[in-house]
N, C-alpha and C. Protein backbone atom coordinates (compact mmCIF):
# COMPACT_ATOMS: atom_id res chain seq x y z
N MET A 1 49.75 -44.61 -17.36
CA MET A 1 48.35 -44.71 -17.75
C MET A 1 47.61 -44.99 -15.95
N ILE A 2 46.48 -44.18 -16.10
CA ILE A 2 46.11 -44.51 -13.79
C ILE A 2 44.55 -44.52 -14.61
N GLY A 3 44.14 -45.67 -14.15
CA GLY A 3 42.42 -45.88 -13.57
C GLY A 3 42.22 -45.00 -12.78
N ILE A 4 40.66 -44.63 -13.10
CA ILE A 4 39.96 -44.44 -12.17
C ILE A 4 38.66 -44.93 -11.98
N TYR A 5 38.75 -45.79 -10.81
CA TYR A 5 37.44 -46.39 -10.32
C TYR A 5 36.06 -46.37 -9.60
N GLY A 6 35.15 -45.17 -9.55
CA GLY A 6 34.47 -44.99 -8.32
C GLY A 6 33.36 -45.77 -8.31
N GLY A 7 32.79 -45.65 -7.15
CA GLY A 7 31.52 -46.17 -6.43
C GLY A 7 31.51 -46.20 -5.21
N THR A 8 30.02 -46.47 -4.67
CA THR A 8 29.98 -46.49 -2.95
C THR A 8 30.59 -47.14 -2.21
N PHE A 9 31.21 -48.44 -2.62
CA PHE A 9 31.56 -49.09 -1.89
C PHE A 9 31.52 -49.51 -0.93
N ASP A 10 30.16 -50.01 -0.40
CA ASP A 10 29.20 -50.42 0.92
C ASP A 10 28.51 -51.72 0.65
N PRO A 11 29.30 -52.72 0.91
CA PRO A 11 30.83 -53.15 1.39
C PRO A 11 31.41 -53.03 0.28
N VAL A 12 32.73 -52.42 -0.28
CA VAL A 12 33.55 -53.17 -1.39
C VAL A 12 33.71 -55.09 -0.96
N HIS A 13 33.39 -55.51 -2.33
CA HIS A 13 33.71 -56.71 -2.23
C HIS A 13 34.51 -57.30 -3.30
N PHE A 14 34.56 -58.89 -4.09
CA PHE A 14 35.44 -59.31 -4.75
C PHE A 14 34.76 -58.98 -5.95
N GLY A 15 33.95 -58.80 -6.22
CA GLY A 15 33.55 -58.11 -7.38
C GLY A 15 34.53 -56.89 -7.99
N HIS A 16 34.34 -55.83 -6.72
CA HIS A 16 34.86 -54.72 -6.70
C HIS A 16 36.26 -55.30 -7.94
N LEU A 17 37.00 -55.79 -6.46
CA LEU A 17 38.54 -56.09 -6.45
C LEU A 17 38.73 -56.84 -7.98
N ARG A 18 38.13 -58.15 -8.02
CA ARG A 18 37.96 -58.87 -9.42
C ARG A 18 38.34 -57.37 -10.56
N THR A 19 37.16 -56.60 -10.54
CA THR A 19 37.03 -55.49 -11.77
C THR A 19 38.61 -54.71 -11.89
N ALA A 20 38.89 -54.42 -10.60
CA ALA A 20 40.28 -53.57 -10.75
C ALA A 20 41.56 -54.31 -10.70
N VAL A 21 41.44 -55.20 -10.30
CA VAL A 21 42.63 -56.41 -10.90
C VAL A 21 42.69 -56.42 -12.52
N GLU A 22 41.52 -56.59 -12.59
CA GLU A 22 41.50 -57.30 -14.43
C GLU A 22 41.82 -55.99 -15.37
N ILE A 23 41.48 -54.81 -15.07
CA ILE A 23 41.83 -53.54 -15.60
C ILE A 23 42.90 -53.24 -15.54
N LYS A 24 43.17 -53.30 -14.52
CA LYS A 24 45.25 -52.93 -14.66
C LYS A 24 46.12 -53.63 -15.32
N ALA A 25 45.74 -54.48 -14.96
CA ALA A 25 45.99 -55.75 -16.38
C ALA A 25 46.40 -55.64 -18.06
N LEU A 26 44.70 -55.48 -18.42
CA LEU A 26 43.82 -55.37 -19.58
C LEU A 26 44.67 -54.06 -20.41
N PHE A 27 44.55 -52.81 -19.42
CA PHE A 27 45.24 -51.62 -19.95
C PHE A 27 46.94 -50.83 -19.60
N ASP A 28 47.49 -52.20 -18.58
CA ASP A 28 49.00 -51.92 -18.36
C ASP A 28 49.17 -50.73 -17.52
N LEU A 29 48.36 -50.48 -16.72
CA LEU A 29 47.72 -49.55 -16.02
C LEU A 29 48.93 -49.35 -14.96
N ASP A 30 49.44 -48.03 -14.81
CA ASP A 30 50.55 -48.11 -13.56
C ASP A 30 49.72 -48.29 -12.14
N GLU A 31 48.61 -47.61 -12.14
CA GLU A 31 47.80 -47.80 -10.73
C GLU A 31 46.42 -47.62 -11.25
N VAL A 32 45.69 -48.14 -10.16
CA VAL A 32 43.54 -48.45 -10.42
C VAL A 32 43.41 -47.61 -8.82
N ARG A 33 43.13 -45.98 -8.78
CA ARG A 33 42.99 -45.66 -7.75
C ARG A 33 41.27 -45.64 -7.53
N LEU A 34 40.91 -46.97 -6.39
CA LEU A 34 39.92 -46.89 -5.98
C LEU A 34 39.17 -45.32 -5.50
N ILE A 35 38.15 -44.93 -5.84
CA ILE A 35 37.79 -43.52 -4.87
C ILE A 35 36.12 -44.05 -4.40
N PRO A 36 35.92 -43.92 -3.06
CA PRO A 36 35.01 -43.89 -2.61
C PRO A 36 34.08 -42.76 -2.91
N CYS A 37 32.72 -42.25 -3.23
CA CYS A 37 32.14 -41.33 -3.16
C CYS A 37 31.17 -41.73 -2.00
N ALA A 38 31.76 -40.07 -1.48
CA ALA A 38 31.20 -39.14 -0.32
C ALA A 38 29.73 -39.03 -0.36
N ASN A 39 29.96 -38.23 -1.13
CA ASN A 39 28.19 -37.69 -1.21
C ASN A 39 26.96 -37.81 -2.91
N PRO A 40 26.72 -39.13 -3.18
CA PRO A 40 26.43 -39.36 -4.58
C PRO A 40 25.58 -38.36 -4.85
N PRO A 41 25.42 -37.84 -6.22
CA PRO A 41 24.07 -37.11 -6.40
C PRO A 41 23.37 -37.83 -7.02
N HIS A 42 23.69 -38.84 -7.75
CA HIS A 42 22.21 -38.86 -8.05
C HIS A 42 21.13 -40.24 -7.58
N ARG A 43 21.69 -40.42 -6.31
CA ARG A 43 21.34 -41.69 -5.68
C ARG A 43 21.32 -41.49 -3.96
N THR A 44 20.26 -42.80 -3.15
CA THR A 44 20.49 -41.88 -2.18
C THR A 44 21.77 -42.13 -1.42
N ALA A 45 22.01 -41.57 -0.02
CA ALA A 45 22.97 -41.60 0.44
C ALA A 45 23.51 -42.92 1.25
N PRO A 46 24.65 -43.56 1.24
CA PRO A 46 25.12 -45.08 1.30
C PRO A 46 24.72 -45.07 3.46
N LEU A 47 24.51 -46.33 3.77
CA LEU A 47 24.13 -46.38 5.17
C LEU A 47 25.68 -46.07 5.49
N THR A 48 26.91 -46.21 4.93
CA THR A 48 27.85 -46.53 6.22
C THR A 48 28.67 -44.89 5.51
N PRO A 49 28.84 -44.21 6.65
CA PRO A 49 30.12 -43.23 6.32
C PRO A 49 31.21 -42.99 5.33
N PRO A 50 31.46 -42.21 4.69
CA PRO A 50 32.65 -42.36 3.56
C PRO A 50 33.65 -42.42 4.70
N ALA A 51 34.19 -41.98 5.67
CA ALA A 51 35.49 -42.57 6.31
C ALA A 51 35.72 -43.82 6.24
N MET A 52 34.48 -44.67 6.80
CA MET A 52 34.16 -46.12 7.33
C MET A 52 34.30 -46.86 5.73
N ARG A 53 33.97 -46.42 5.06
CA ARG A 53 34.00 -47.11 3.56
C ARG A 53 35.36 -47.10 2.68
N LEU A 54 35.69 -45.77 3.86
CA LEU A 54 37.31 -45.99 2.57
C LEU A 54 37.95 -46.67 3.80
N GLN A 55 37.70 -46.59 4.93
CA GLN A 55 38.52 -47.45 5.72
C GLN A 55 38.81 -49.17 5.35
N MET A 56 37.25 -49.67 5.19
CA MET A 56 37.34 -50.77 4.72
C MET A 56 38.20 -51.37 3.15
N LEU A 57 37.56 -50.03 2.28
CA LEU A 57 38.27 -50.20 1.67
C LEU A 57 40.26 -50.34 1.25
N GLN A 58 40.33 -49.80 2.31
CA GLN A 58 41.98 -49.96 2.41
C GLN A 58 42.24 -51.14 3.13
N LEU A 59 41.48 -51.70 3.94
CA LEU A 59 41.56 -52.86 4.24
C LEU A 59 41.73 -53.65 3.17
N ALA A 60 40.84 -53.81 2.36
CA ALA A 60 40.57 -55.01 1.31
C ALA A 60 41.98 -54.47 0.22
N LEU A 61 42.73 -53.40 0.37
CA LEU A 61 44.01 -53.43 -0.81
C LEU A 61 44.66 -53.59 -0.34
N ALA A 62 45.30 -53.95 1.53
CA ALA A 62 46.43 -53.66 2.06
C ALA A 62 47.28 -54.70 1.22
N ASN A 63 47.05 -55.71 0.65
CA ASN A 63 48.53 -56.53 0.01
C ASN A 63 48.40 -56.34 -1.41
N SER A 64 47.59 -55.22 -2.23
CA SER A 64 47.26 -55.19 -3.75
C SER A 64 48.14 -54.32 -4.23
N GLN A 65 49.42 -54.74 -4.98
CA GLN A 65 50.21 -53.74 -5.64
C GLN A 65 49.11 -53.26 -6.96
N GLY A 66 49.50 -51.55 -6.73
CA GLY A 66 48.88 -50.96 -7.72
C GLY A 66 47.69 -50.18 -7.78
N LEU A 67 47.40 -51.32 -6.32
CA LEU A 67 45.37 -50.82 -6.35
C LEU A 67 45.62 -49.70 -5.36
N VAL A 68 44.74 -48.46 -5.56
CA VAL A 68 45.31 -47.63 -4.32
C VAL A 68 43.38 -47.15 -4.09
N ALA A 69 43.85 -46.75 -2.18
CA ALA A 69 42.18 -46.12 -1.88
C ALA A 69 42.11 -45.34 -1.59
N ASP A 70 41.59 -44.34 -2.44
CA ASP A 70 41.90 -42.59 -3.12
C ASP A 70 40.50 -42.36 -2.05
N GLY A 71 41.33 -40.96 -1.03
CA GLY A 71 39.98 -40.11 -0.27
C GLY A 71 39.85 -38.85 -0.69
N CYS A 72 39.97 -39.08 -1.86
CA CYS A 72 40.00 -37.80 -2.63
C CYS A 72 38.30 -36.84 -2.44
N GLU A 73 37.53 -37.59 -2.72
CA GLU A 73 36.17 -36.81 -2.77
C GLU A 73 35.43 -36.87 -0.97
N LEU A 74 36.20 -37.36 0.24
CA LEU A 74 35.86 -37.31 1.69
C LEU A 74 36.37 -35.45 1.98
N ASP A 75 37.18 -34.78 1.10
CA ASP A 75 37.71 -34.07 1.87
C ASP A 75 36.90 -32.96 1.33
N ARG A 76 36.19 -33.07 0.25
CA ARG A 76 34.97 -31.68 -0.68
C ARG A 76 33.81 -32.22 0.02
N THR A 77 33.29 -30.33 -0.11
CA THR A 77 31.48 -30.75 0.77
C THR A 77 31.08 -30.69 -0.70
N GLY A 78 29.87 -31.11 -0.48
CA GLY A 78 28.86 -30.49 -1.39
C GLY A 78 28.66 -32.32 -1.91
N PRO A 79 27.81 -32.21 -2.85
CA PRO A 79 27.92 -33.62 -3.98
C PRO A 79 29.01 -33.86 -4.66
N SER A 80 29.47 -34.98 -4.63
CA SER A 80 30.61 -35.45 -5.19
C SER A 80 30.59 -35.52 -6.78
N TYR A 81 30.59 -34.80 -7.22
CA TYR A 81 30.85 -34.39 -9.03
C TYR A 81 31.58 -35.03 -9.42
N THR A 82 31.70 -36.35 -10.69
CA THR A 82 33.09 -36.80 -10.98
C THR A 82 33.93 -35.60 -11.36
N VAL A 83 33.16 -34.56 -11.90
CA VAL A 83 34.28 -33.94 -13.05
C VAL A 83 35.24 -33.33 -12.18
N ASP A 84 34.49 -32.93 -11.21
CA ASP A 84 35.49 -32.33 -9.66
C ASP A 84 37.03 -33.44 -9.81
N THR A 85 36.22 -34.57 -9.17
CA THR A 85 37.10 -35.33 -9.01
C THR A 85 38.71 -35.47 -9.69
N LEU A 86 37.88 -35.30 -11.10
CA LEU A 86 38.68 -35.74 -12.47
C LEU A 86 39.84 -34.11 -12.50
N ARG A 87 38.62 -33.21 -12.45
CA ARG A 87 40.04 -31.97 -12.15
C ARG A 87 40.82 -32.02 -11.52
N GLU A 88 40.89 -32.64 -10.32
CA GLU A 88 41.67 -32.67 -9.41
C GLU A 88 42.90 -33.24 -9.53
N LEU A 89 42.85 -34.80 -10.10
CA LEU A 89 43.35 -35.84 -10.55
C LEU A 89 44.23 -35.45 -11.57
N ARG A 90 43.51 -34.64 -12.65
CA ARG A 90 44.51 -33.89 -13.44
C ARG A 90 45.53 -33.08 -13.23
N ALA A 91 45.22 -32.46 -12.28
CA ALA A 91 45.87 -31.23 -11.63
C ALA A 91 47.37 -32.14 -11.27
N ALA A 92 46.77 -33.09 -10.32
CA ALA A 92 48.03 -33.58 -9.82
C ALA A 92 48.44 -34.24 -10.92
N HIS A 93 48.66 -34.95 -11.47
CA HIS A 93 49.23 -36.14 -12.83
C HIS A 93 49.81 -35.42 -13.78
N GLY A 94 49.54 -34.47 -14.01
CA GLY A 94 49.84 -33.45 -15.56
C GLY A 94 48.93 -34.18 -16.78
N ASP A 95 50.03 -34.79 -17.47
CA ASP A 95 49.59 -35.23 -19.03
C ASP A 95 49.58 -36.41 -18.85
N THR A 96 49.58 -37.60 -17.74
CA THR A 96 49.69 -39.02 -17.65
C THR A 96 47.77 -39.07 -17.85
N PRO A 97 47.51 -40.29 -18.78
CA PRO A 97 46.71 -40.43 -19.37
C PRO A 97 45.69 -41.23 -18.39
N LEU A 98 44.44 -40.35 -17.91
CA LEU A 98 43.50 -40.97 -17.42
C LEU A 98 42.62 -41.90 -17.70
N LEU A 99 42.12 -43.12 -17.21
CA LEU A 99 41.22 -43.54 -17.77
C LEU A 99 39.91 -43.74 -16.11
N LEU A 100 38.83 -43.10 -17.20
CA LEU A 100 37.55 -43.44 -15.93
C LEU A 100 36.72 -44.56 -16.34
N PHE A 101 37.08 -45.55 -15.53
CA PHE A 101 36.42 -46.87 -15.74
C PHE A 101 34.23 -46.75 -15.36
N MET A 102 33.72 -47.25 -15.85
CA MET A 102 31.91 -47.10 -15.32
C MET A 102 31.55 -48.41 -15.66
N GLY A 103 30.39 -48.88 -15.79
CA GLY A 103 29.33 -50.09 -16.28
C GLY A 103 28.87 -48.89 -16.99
N MET A 104 27.97 -50.28 -17.82
CA MET A 104 26.81 -49.91 -18.71
C MET A 104 25.52 -49.35 -18.15
N ASP A 105 25.24 -49.60 -16.64
CA ASP A 105 24.18 -48.85 -16.02
C ASP A 105 24.57 -47.28 -16.11
N ALA A 106 25.97 -46.67 -15.73
CA ALA A 106 26.34 -45.53 -15.71
C ALA A 106 26.66 -44.82 -17.23
N PHE A 107 27.27 -45.39 -18.04
CA PHE A 107 27.64 -44.93 -18.98
C PHE A 107 26.02 -44.82 -19.83
N ALA A 108 25.00 -45.23 -19.56
CA ALA A 108 23.48 -45.27 -20.13
C ALA A 108 23.10 -43.74 -19.82
N ASP A 109 23.49 -43.40 -18.54
CA ASP A 109 22.93 -42.28 -17.67
C ASP A 109 23.61 -41.19 -17.54
N LEU A 110 24.62 -41.43 -18.39
CA LEU A 110 26.19 -39.97 -18.61
C LEU A 110 25.80 -38.84 -19.00
N GLU A 111 24.67 -38.09 -19.26
CA GLU A 111 24.17 -37.39 -20.20
C GLU A 111 23.08 -36.64 -18.82
N CYS A 112 23.12 -37.30 -17.79
CA CYS A 112 22.08 -36.95 -16.76
C CYS A 112 23.79 -36.25 -15.40
N TRP A 113 24.59 -36.72 -15.71
CA TRP A 113 26.04 -36.37 -14.66
C TRP A 113 25.78 -34.94 -14.93
N TYR A 114 26.33 -34.24 -13.53
CA TYR A 114 26.55 -32.85 -14.26
C TYR A 114 27.90 -32.88 -14.97
N GLN A 115 27.74 -31.72 -15.72
CA GLN A 115 29.45 -31.44 -16.81
C GLN A 115 29.52 -32.28 -17.35
N TRP A 116 28.68 -33.22 -17.77
CA TRP A 116 29.50 -34.20 -18.25
C TRP A 116 30.46 -34.30 -19.71
N PRO A 117 29.87 -33.33 -20.57
CA PRO A 117 30.75 -33.66 -21.97
C PRO A 117 32.79 -33.35 -21.31
N HIS A 118 32.48 -32.23 -19.80
CA HIS A 118 33.89 -32.10 -19.54
C HIS A 118 34.45 -32.86 -19.18
N LEU A 119 34.01 -34.61 -18.41
CA LEU A 119 34.72 -35.51 -18.18
C LEU A 119 35.84 -35.95 -19.20
N PHE A 120 35.02 -35.38 -20.84
CA PHE A 120 35.97 -35.91 -21.40
C PHE A 120 37.30 -34.97 -21.67
N ASP A 121 37.51 -33.62 -21.04
CA ASP A 121 38.38 -32.64 -20.83
C ASP A 121 39.18 -33.61 -20.10
N TYR A 122 39.26 -33.98 -19.38
CA TYR A 122 40.17 -34.07 -17.99
C TYR A 122 40.62 -35.87 -18.19
N ALA A 123 39.50 -36.84 -18.65
CA ALA A 123 40.24 -38.66 -19.10
C ALA A 123 39.68 -39.26 -20.53
N HIS A 124 39.70 -40.23 -20.44
CA HIS A 124 39.41 -40.92 -21.25
C HIS A 124 37.85 -42.17 -20.69
N ILE A 125 36.73 -41.90 -20.83
CA ILE A 125 35.80 -43.01 -20.49
C ILE A 125 36.28 -44.19 -20.94
N VAL A 126 36.36 -45.40 -20.18
CA VAL A 126 35.70 -46.88 -20.34
C VAL A 126 35.16 -47.54 -19.83
N VAL A 127 33.70 -47.90 -20.49
CA VAL A 127 33.10 -48.30 -20.33
C VAL A 127 32.97 -49.93 -20.44
N MET A 128 33.17 -50.66 -19.41
CA MET A 128 33.10 -52.31 -19.01
C MET A 128 31.88 -52.70 -19.28
N THR A 129 32.22 -53.85 -20.18
CA THR A 129 30.72 -54.79 -20.64
C THR A 129 31.08 -56.40 -20.50
N ARG A 130 29.75 -56.83 -20.72
CA ARG A 130 30.07 -58.23 -20.46
C ARG A 130 30.23 -58.81 -21.79
N PRO A 131 31.19 -60.16 -22.12
CA PRO A 131 31.17 -60.90 -23.52
C PRO A 131 30.03 -60.77 -24.33
N GLY A 132 30.38 -60.51 -25.54
CA GLY A 132 28.90 -60.72 -26.10
C GLY A 132 28.11 -59.03 -26.70
N PHE A 133 28.82 -58.35 -25.58
CA PHE A 133 28.44 -56.75 -25.68
C PHE A 133 28.57 -56.23 -27.58
N THR A 134 27.58 -55.82 -27.73
CA THR A 134 27.79 -54.97 -28.87
C THR A 134 27.54 -53.28 -28.71
N VAL A 135 28.24 -51.93 -29.20
CA VAL A 135 28.76 -50.71 -28.93
C VAL A 135 26.73 -50.22 -29.33
N PRO A 136 26.12 -49.78 -28.60
CA PRO A 136 24.83 -49.46 -29.03
C PRO A 136 24.52 -48.39 -30.64
N ALA A 137 23.76 -48.41 -30.91
CA ALA A 137 23.57 -47.44 -32.08
C ALA A 137 23.66 -45.92 -31.76
N ASP A 138 23.07 -46.27 -30.75
CA ASP A 138 22.34 -44.57 -29.74
C ASP A 138 23.21 -43.40 -29.08
N ILE A 139 24.80 -43.66 -29.09
CA ILE A 139 25.15 -42.71 -28.55
C ILE A 139 25.78 -41.47 -28.48
N GLY A 140 25.05 -41.34 -29.45
CA GLY A 140 24.91 -39.50 -30.38
C GLY A 140 26.50 -38.88 -31.02
N SER A 141 26.47 -37.96 -30.17
CA SER A 141 27.79 -37.18 -29.80
C SER A 141 28.93 -37.69 -29.24
N LYS A 142 28.65 -39.03 -28.54
CA LYS A 142 29.68 -39.67 -28.28
C LYS A 142 30.53 -40.66 -28.87
N ARG A 143 30.09 -41.07 -30.42
CA ARG A 143 30.47 -41.90 -31.15
C ARG A 143 31.86 -40.96 -32.01
N ASP A 144 31.70 -40.17 -31.91
CA ASP A 144 32.75 -39.21 -32.59
C ASP A 144 33.99 -38.99 -31.21
N ARG A 145 34.23 -39.51 -29.98
CA ARG A 145 35.13 -40.01 -29.48
C ARG A 145 35.75 -41.59 -29.31
N LEU A 146 34.83 -42.28 -29.90
CA LEU A 146 34.94 -43.87 -29.92
C LEU A 146 35.88 -44.36 -30.52
N VAL A 147 36.88 -45.14 -29.95
CA VAL A 147 37.83 -45.67 -30.63
C VAL A 147 37.85 -47.49 -30.31
N SER A 148 38.35 -47.95 -31.28
CA SER A 148 38.28 -49.49 -30.72
C SER A 148 39.83 -49.99 -30.45
N ASN A 149 40.94 -49.38 -30.67
CA ASN A 149 41.81 -49.58 -30.68
C ASN A 149 42.54 -49.03 -29.17
N ALA A 150 42.68 -50.17 -28.22
CA ALA A 150 43.06 -49.65 -26.74
C ALA A 150 44.20 -49.03 -26.54
N ALA A 151 45.04 -49.05 -27.30
CA ALA A 151 46.87 -48.32 -27.89
C ALA A 151 46.13 -46.93 -27.55
N LEU A 152 45.31 -46.72 -28.62
CA LEU A 152 45.20 -44.78 -28.63
C LEU A 152 44.93 -44.05 -27.39
N LEU A 153 44.66 -45.01 -26.55
CA LEU A 153 44.36 -44.29 -25.15
C LEU A 153 45.67 -43.41 -24.61
N GLN A 154 46.64 -44.41 -24.97
CA GLN A 154 48.15 -43.72 -24.53
C GLN A 154 48.52 -42.47 -25.28
N HIS A 155 47.92 -42.58 -26.09
CA HIS A 155 48.83 -40.98 -26.81
C HIS A 155 47.97 -39.57 -26.47
N ALA A 156 46.78 -39.77 -25.67
CA ALA A 156 46.33 -38.27 -25.00
C ALA A 156 45.55 -38.54 -23.62
N PRO A 157 46.18 -37.27 -23.01
CA PRO A 157 45.22 -37.54 -21.25
C PRO A 157 43.91 -37.74 -21.38
N GLY A 158 43.32 -37.40 -22.57
CA GLY A 158 41.96 -37.60 -22.51
C GLY A 158 41.38 -37.93 -23.73
N GLY A 159 39.71 -37.46 -23.40
CA GLY A 159 38.89 -37.40 -24.73
C GLY A 159 38.54 -38.50 -25.29
N LYS A 160 39.00 -39.32 -25.41
CA LYS A 160 38.39 -40.93 -26.28
C LYS A 160 37.33 -42.00 -25.34
N LEU A 161 36.77 -42.78 -25.79
CA LEU A 161 35.84 -43.55 -25.44
C LEU A 161 36.15 -44.99 -26.00
N PHE A 162 35.74 -46.02 -24.97
CA PHE A 162 36.47 -47.11 -25.57
C PHE A 162 35.35 -47.90 -24.54
N PHE A 163 35.17 -49.23 -25.20
CA PHE A 163 34.54 -50.24 -24.71
C PHE A 163 34.92 -52.02 -24.74
N GLN A 164 35.36 -52.13 -23.22
CA GLN A 164 35.84 -53.24 -22.83
C GLN A 164 35.19 -53.95 -22.17
N HIS A 165 35.30 -55.95 -22.50
CA HIS A 165 34.55 -56.86 -21.68
C HIS A 165 35.63 -56.84 -20.36
N VAL A 166 34.68 -57.33 -19.29
CA VAL A 166 35.42 -57.06 -18.25
C VAL A 166 34.57 -59.06 -17.69
N THR A 167 35.42 -59.69 -16.45
CA THR A 167 34.57 -60.39 -15.84
C THR A 167 33.92 -59.37 -14.56
N GLN A 168 32.56 -59.90 -15.15
CA GLN A 168 31.89 -59.37 -13.65
C GLN A 168 31.36 -60.12 -13.07
N LEU A 169 31.68 -60.37 -11.37
CA LEU A 169 31.23 -61.60 -10.78
C LEU A 169 29.70 -61.05 -10.33
N ASP A 170 28.73 -62.30 -10.04
CA ASP A 170 27.29 -62.02 -9.88
C ASP A 170 27.42 -61.74 -8.33
N ILE A 171 28.22 -60.37 -7.05
CA ILE A 171 28.09 -60.16 -6.17
C ILE A 171 27.43 -58.72 -6.02
N SER A 172 26.83 -58.39 -5.27
CA SER A 172 26.13 -57.11 -4.51
C SER A 172 26.74 -56.76 -3.94
N ALA A 173 26.87 -55.31 -3.14
CA ALA A 173 26.80 -54.85 -1.92
C ALA A 173 25.28 -55.01 -1.04
N THR A 174 24.46 -55.06 -2.09
CA THR A 174 23.06 -54.71 -1.56
C THR A 174 22.44 -56.36 -0.82
N ALA A 175 23.22 -56.99 -1.65
CA ALA A 175 22.65 -58.59 -1.38
C ALA A 175 23.81 -59.12 -0.41
N ILE A 176 25.09 -58.48 0.15
CA ILE A 176 25.77 -58.56 0.63
C ILE A 176 25.30 -58.05 2.13
N ARG A 177 25.19 -56.99 2.08
CA ARG A 177 24.43 -55.86 3.31
C ARG A 177 22.72 -56.65 4.00
N ASN A 178 22.01 -57.48 3.36
CA ASN A 178 21.05 -58.10 3.18
C ASN A 178 21.59 -59.91 4.21
N LEU A 179 22.56 -60.26 4.08
CA LEU A 179 23.10 -61.24 3.98
C LEU A 179 23.23 -61.17 5.59
N ILE A 180 24.05 -60.40 6.35
CA ILE A 180 24.44 -59.46 7.25
C ILE A 180 23.80 -58.95 8.20
N ALA A 181 21.88 -58.64 7.57
CA ALA A 181 21.03 -58.21 8.75
C ALA A 181 20.22 -59.77 8.79
N LYS A 182 20.24 -60.50 8.12
CA LYS A 182 19.58 -61.99 8.60
C LYS A 182 20.65 -62.55 9.13
N ARG A 183 22.01 -61.87 9.47
CA ARG A 183 23.06 -62.69 10.50
C ARG A 183 23.41 -64.16 9.83
N GLN A 184 23.44 -64.09 8.31
CA GLN A 184 23.81 -64.87 7.64
C GLN A 184 25.34 -64.80 7.14
N ASN A 185 26.30 -65.65 7.04
CA ASN A 185 27.81 -65.24 6.62
C ASN A 185 28.22 -64.70 5.16
N PRO A 186 28.80 -63.73 5.23
CA PRO A 186 28.97 -63.34 3.63
C PRO A 186 30.46 -63.67 3.26
N ARG A 187 30.79 -64.47 4.05
CA ARG A 187 32.56 -64.81 3.83
C ARG A 187 32.08 -65.57 2.31
N PHE A 188 33.59 -65.10 1.96
CA PHE A 188 33.92 -65.64 0.14
C PHE A 188 33.43 -64.51 -0.65
N LEU A 189 32.66 -63.63 -0.34
CA LEU A 189 32.09 -62.58 -0.70
C LEU A 189 33.14 -61.45 -0.71
N LEU A 190 33.32 -61.37 0.22
CA LEU A 190 34.53 -60.07 0.58
C LEU A 190 35.38 -60.55 1.24
N PRO A 191 36.46 -60.09 1.72
CA PRO A 191 38.09 -60.14 2.12
C PRO A 191 37.50 -60.12 3.54
N ASP A 192 38.25 -61.11 4.40
CA ASP A 192 38.21 -61.62 6.15
C ASP A 192 38.09 -59.81 6.67
N SER A 193 39.22 -59.15 6.34
CA SER A 193 39.24 -58.28 7.19
C SER A 193 38.23 -57.06 7.02
N VAL A 194 36.98 -57.47 6.04
CA VAL A 194 36.43 -56.54 5.49
C VAL A 194 35.45 -56.88 6.42
N ILE A 195 35.10 -58.01 6.81
CA ILE A 195 34.00 -58.66 7.41
C ILE A 195 34.26 -58.46 8.59
N ASP A 196 35.70 -58.92 9.44
CA ASP A 196 35.78 -58.26 10.65
C ASP A 196 35.79 -56.90 10.89
N PHE A 197 35.75 -55.49 9.97
CA PHE A 197 36.23 -54.77 10.23
C PHE A 197 34.33 -54.61 10.68
N ILE A 198 33.49 -54.89 9.73
CA ILE A 198 31.62 -55.03 9.54
C ILE A 198 31.29 -55.37 11.23
N ARG A 199 31.75 -56.73 11.98
CA ARG A 199 30.97 -56.85 12.68
C ARG A 199 32.02 -56.01 13.57
N GLN A 200 32.94 -55.72 13.91
CA GLN A 200 33.42 -54.74 15.10
C GLN A 200 32.60 -53.25 14.94
N HIS A 201 32.78 -53.04 14.17
CA HIS A 201 31.46 -51.83 14.00
C HIS A 201 29.92 -51.84 13.91
N ASN A 202 29.62 -53.26 13.79
CA ASN A 202 28.14 -53.48 13.73
C ASN A 202 27.20 -53.13 12.72
N LEU A 203 28.13 -53.29 11.14
CA LEU A 203 27.58 -52.68 10.05
C LEU A 203 26.15 -52.81 10.20
N TYR A 204 25.31 -52.85 9.14
CA TYR A 204 24.43 -53.11 8.37
C TYR A 204 23.92 -54.10 8.83
N GLN A 205 23.31 -54.02 10.06
CA GLN A 205 22.41 -55.05 11.41
C GLN A 205 21.42 -54.36 10.99
N HIS A 206 20.52 -53.55 10.50
CA HIS A 206 19.35 -52.92 10.16
C HIS A 206 18.71 -52.93 8.54
N GLU A 207 19.38 -53.46 7.42
CA GLU A 207 19.21 -53.56 6.45
C GLU A 207 18.16 -54.07 5.96
N SER A 208 16.98 -53.22 4.95
CA SER A 208 15.83 -53.34 4.53
C SER A 208 15.84 -54.52 3.68
N LEU A 209 15.20 -55.21 4.20
CA LEU A 209 15.20 -56.53 3.36
C LEU A 209 14.76 -56.42 1.97
N VAL A 210 15.15 -56.67 0.32
CA VAL A 210 14.71 -56.65 -0.82
C VAL A 210 14.98 -57.84 -1.29
């Protein structure tokens, strides 16, 4: 099985990396493909160009077996729709089960995503939750896809919905960017190799503080 974990990664940090390591182990995945969103359709454009965000991700994953920085969305023009990414990955990987990982905030807005029902045509959706979470009652037609046993995800290329508790470190890219803008040290929030890249290219020097 292959995990798919998208985001802007502006910049990638240890919260992202811890999640990737954990989901790989929890689901015994062959690999997790971390995919920088080139042109997010539902939010303002990231501060950093897609190619540089991919470079930071490659640096962060340099010594991480089974975690892959995937720049497939950088090769397309227009908005980076997840359904298009999944379609490409399905064509490349045949009937291998694909697991699309997302947080609760993303899942809550799923019906606003472009062609969202077709996501299930190409992958399972795994919603990452905090301990103590219970499945909401108002998930509508998606409830018919819900399974409570992760082993069932191995038996089909896609189509199922699963909720999984994961460790979620309280680290945000926004906070990191603000630290850097205030000339404060972000060490131990993201890999040193990524910090070096940020300094080399003078990234996030004028972040609007929030």
